[in-house]
Amino acid sequence: MPGTKRSNIKIGINVGIVMKDDQHSGYITYGIVQQILTKSPSHPHGIKVRLDTKEVGRVKEIVR
């Protein structure tokens, strides 16, 4: 499931995000979605979310 479609992202799921400061290195931070910040149905770089640890970034992977 790609992290570029808003319909794939639900509050409470585990995801891997890339935060703004980590875009160059591609470092992925894992956590649980607390809030979905992107309003459009899709975004080419990933849906922006806030994790339960208050970190904000774009979803790169959905952890099963």
N, C-alpha and C. Protein backbone atom coordinates (compact mmCIF):
# COMPACT_ATOMS: atom_id res chain seq x y z
N MET A 1 0.84 -1.18 0.00
CA MET A 1 0.00 0.00 0.00
C MET A 1 0.89 1.25 0.00
N PRO A 2 0.74 2.08 -0.99
CA PRO A 2 1.59 3.28 -1.02
C PRO A 2 1.13 4.34 -0.02
N GLY A 3 2.11 5.09 0.49
CA GLY A 3 1.81 6.17 1.42
C GLY A 3 1.43 7.46 0.71
N THR A 4 1.22 7.37 -0.62
CA THR A 4 0.88 8.56 -1.39
C THR A 4 -0.63 8.77 -1.51
N LYS A 5 -1.42 7.79 -1.07
CA LYS A 5 -2.89 7.90 -1.13
C LYS A 5 -3.44 8.07 0.28
N ARG A 6 -4.23 9.12 0.48
CA ARG A 6 -4.79 9.42 1.80
C ARG A 6 -5.71 8.30 2.30
N SER A 7 -6.38 7.63 1.38
CA SER A 7 -7.32 6.56 1.76
C SER A 7 -6.60 5.37 2.41
N ASN A 8 -5.30 5.23 2.19
CA ASN A 8 -4.53 4.14 2.80
C ASN A 8 -4.07 4.44 4.21
N ILE A 9 -4.14 5.71 4.61
CA ILE A 9 -3.63 6.14 5.91
C ILE A 9 -4.79 6.29 6.89
N LYS A 10 -4.69 5.63 8.02
CA LYS A 10 -5.71 5.72 9.07
C LYS A 10 -5.03 6.08 10.39
N ILE A 11 -5.75 6.78 11.24
CA ILE A 11 -5.23 7.11 12.57
C ILE A 11 -5.04 5.81 13.35
N GLY A 12 -3.88 5.67 13.98
CA GLY A 12 -3.59 4.50 14.79
C GLY A 12 -2.75 3.44 14.10
N ILE A 13 -2.46 3.59 12.79
CA ILE A 13 -1.63 2.59 12.12
C ILE A 13 -0.15 2.93 12.26
N ASN A 14 0.70 1.92 12.13
CA ASN A 14 2.15 2.10 12.18
C ASN A 14 2.65 2.48 10.80
N VAL A 15 3.47 3.53 10.74
CA VAL A 15 4.01 4.00 9.47
C VAL A 15 5.48 4.38 9.64
N GLY A 16 6.16 4.50 8.52
CA GLY A 16 7.50 5.05 8.46
C GLY A 16 7.43 6.38 7.73
N ILE A 17 7.94 7.44 8.35
CA ILE A 17 7.89 8.76 7.73
C ILE A 17 9.30 9.31 7.53
N VAL A 18 9.41 10.25 6.60
CA VAL A 18 10.64 11.02 6.45
C VAL A 18 10.31 12.45 6.86
N MET A 19 10.99 12.93 7.90
CA MET A 19 10.78 14.30 8.37
C MET A 19 11.54 15.28 7.46
N LYS A 20 11.17 16.55 7.52
CA LYS A 20 11.75 17.58 6.66
C LYS A 20 13.28 17.60 6.75
N ASP A 21 13.82 17.54 7.96
CA ASP A 21 15.28 17.59 8.15
C ASP A 21 15.98 16.34 7.62
N ASP A 22 15.25 15.24 7.46
CA ASP A 22 15.85 13.98 7.03
C ASP A 22 15.63 13.69 5.54
N GLN A 23 15.04 14.64 4.80
CA GLN A 23 14.74 14.39 3.39
C GLN A 23 15.99 14.08 2.59
N HIS A 24 17.09 14.77 2.89
CA HIS A 24 18.32 14.57 2.12
C HIS A 24 18.92 13.19 2.37
N SER A 25 18.90 12.74 3.62
CA SER A 25 19.48 11.44 3.96
C SER A 25 18.50 10.29 3.73
N GLY A 26 17.18 10.60 3.76
CA GLY A 26 16.17 9.56 3.58
C GLY A 26 15.93 8.74 4.84
N TYR A 27 16.41 9.22 5.99
CA TYR A 27 16.23 8.50 7.26
C TYR A 27 14.74 8.38 7.58
N ILE A 28 14.31 7.16 7.90
CA ILE A 28 12.90 6.89 8.18
C ILE A 28 12.67 6.78 9.68
N THR A 29 11.67 7.49 10.17
CA THR A 29 11.25 7.46 11.56
C THR A 29 9.94 6.69 11.63
N TYR A 30 9.85 5.74 12.55
CA TYR A 30 8.65 4.91 12.66
C TYR A 30 7.81 5.34 13.85
N GLY A 31 6.49 5.21 13.69
CA GLY A 31 5.59 5.56 14.77
C GLY A 31 4.14 5.33 14.39
N ILE A 32 3.26 5.76 15.26
CA ILE A 32 1.81 5.57 15.09
C ILE A 32 1.18 6.91 14.71
N VAL A 33 0.33 6.89 13.69
CA VAL A 33 -0.31 8.10 13.19
C VAL A 33 -1.29 8.63 14.23
N GLN A 34 -1.10 9.90 14.59
CA GLN A 34 -2.01 10.57 15.51
C GLN A 34 -2.96 11.49 14.74
N GLN A 35 -2.46 12.12 13.65
CA GLN A 35 -3.26 13.07 12.89
C GLN A 35 -2.79 13.06 11.44
N ILE A 36 -3.74 13.14 10.51
CA ILE A 36 -3.44 13.25 9.09
C ILE A 36 -3.51 14.72 8.72
N LEU A 37 -2.41 15.26 8.19
CA LEU A 37 -2.33 16.70 7.93
C LEU A 37 -2.64 17.07 6.48
N THR A 38 -2.39 16.17 5.53
CA THR A 38 -2.67 16.44 4.13
C THR A 38 -4.17 16.32 3.88
N LYS A 39 -4.75 17.32 3.25
CA LYS A 39 -6.20 17.32 2.98
C LYS A 39 -6.54 16.70 1.63
N SER A 40 -5.63 16.76 0.66
CA SER A 40 -5.92 16.23 -0.68
C SER A 40 -5.90 14.70 -0.67
N PRO A 41 -6.58 14.06 -1.64
CA PRO A 41 -6.66 12.59 -1.66
C PRO A 41 -5.34 11.89 -1.94
N SER A 42 -4.38 12.60 -2.53
CA SER A 42 -3.07 12.00 -2.78
C SER A 42 -2.00 13.09 -2.84
N HIS A 43 -0.75 12.67 -2.65
CA HIS A 43 0.39 13.58 -2.77
C HIS A 43 1.57 12.76 -3.28
N PRO A 44 2.28 13.25 -4.31
CA PRO A 44 3.35 12.45 -4.92
C PRO A 44 4.52 12.12 -3.98
N HIS A 45 4.74 12.93 -2.95
CA HIS A 45 5.85 12.69 -2.03
C HIS A 45 5.41 11.99 -0.74
N GLY A 46 4.14 11.69 -0.61
CA GLY A 46 3.61 11.03 0.58
C GLY A 46 2.68 11.94 1.36
N ILE A 47 1.74 11.32 2.04
CA ILE A 47 0.77 12.04 2.85
C ILE A 47 1.46 12.53 4.13
N LYS A 48 1.26 13.79 4.47
CA LYS A 48 1.89 14.35 5.67
C LYS A 48 1.06 14.00 6.89
N VAL A 49 1.73 13.47 7.92
CA VAL A 49 1.06 13.05 9.14
C VAL A 49 1.85 13.53 10.36
N ARG A 50 1.16 13.53 11.51
CA ARG A 50 1.81 13.77 12.81
C ARG A 50 1.74 12.44 13.57
N LEU A 51 2.89 12.01 14.08
CA LEU A 51 2.94 10.78 14.86
C LEU A 51 2.55 11.05 16.31
N ASP A 52 2.34 9.99 17.07
CA ASP A 52 1.99 10.14 18.48
C ASP A 52 3.14 10.75 19.29
N THR A 53 4.34 10.76 18.72
CA THR A 53 5.51 11.39 19.36
C THR A 53 5.66 12.84 18.94
N LYS A 54 4.64 13.38 18.24
CA LYS A 54 4.56 14.77 17.77
C LYS A 54 5.47 15.08 16.58
N GLU A 55 6.15 14.07 16.02
CA GLU A 55 6.99 14.29 14.85
C GLU A 55 6.11 14.35 13.60
N VAL A 56 6.47 15.24 12.67
CA VAL A 56 5.70 15.45 11.45
C VAL A 56 6.55 15.08 10.25
N GLY A 57 5.96 14.35 9.31
CA GLY A 57 6.67 14.00 8.09
C GLY A 57 5.74 13.35 7.09
N ARG A 58 6.31 12.97 5.95
CA ARG A 58 5.54 12.34 4.89
C ARG A 58 5.70 10.82 4.93
N VAL A 59 4.59 10.12 4.77
CA VAL A 59 4.58 8.66 4.86
C VAL A 59 5.33 8.05 3.68
N LYS A 60 6.33 7.23 3.98
CA LYS A 60 7.08 6.51 2.96
C LYS A 60 6.73 5.04 2.93
N GLU A 61 6.30 4.51 4.08
CA GLU A 61 5.89 3.11 4.12
C GLU A 61 4.86 2.89 5.21
N ILE A 62 4.00 1.91 4.96
CA ILE A 62 3.02 1.50 5.95
C ILE A 62 3.48 0.16 6.52
N VAL A 63 3.66 0.12 7.82
CA VAL A 63 4.18 -1.07 8.49
C VAL A 63 3.05 -2.01 8.82
N ARG A 64 3.18 -3.25 8.47
CA ARG A 64 2.14 -4.26 8.74
C ARG A 64 2.39 -4.93 10.06
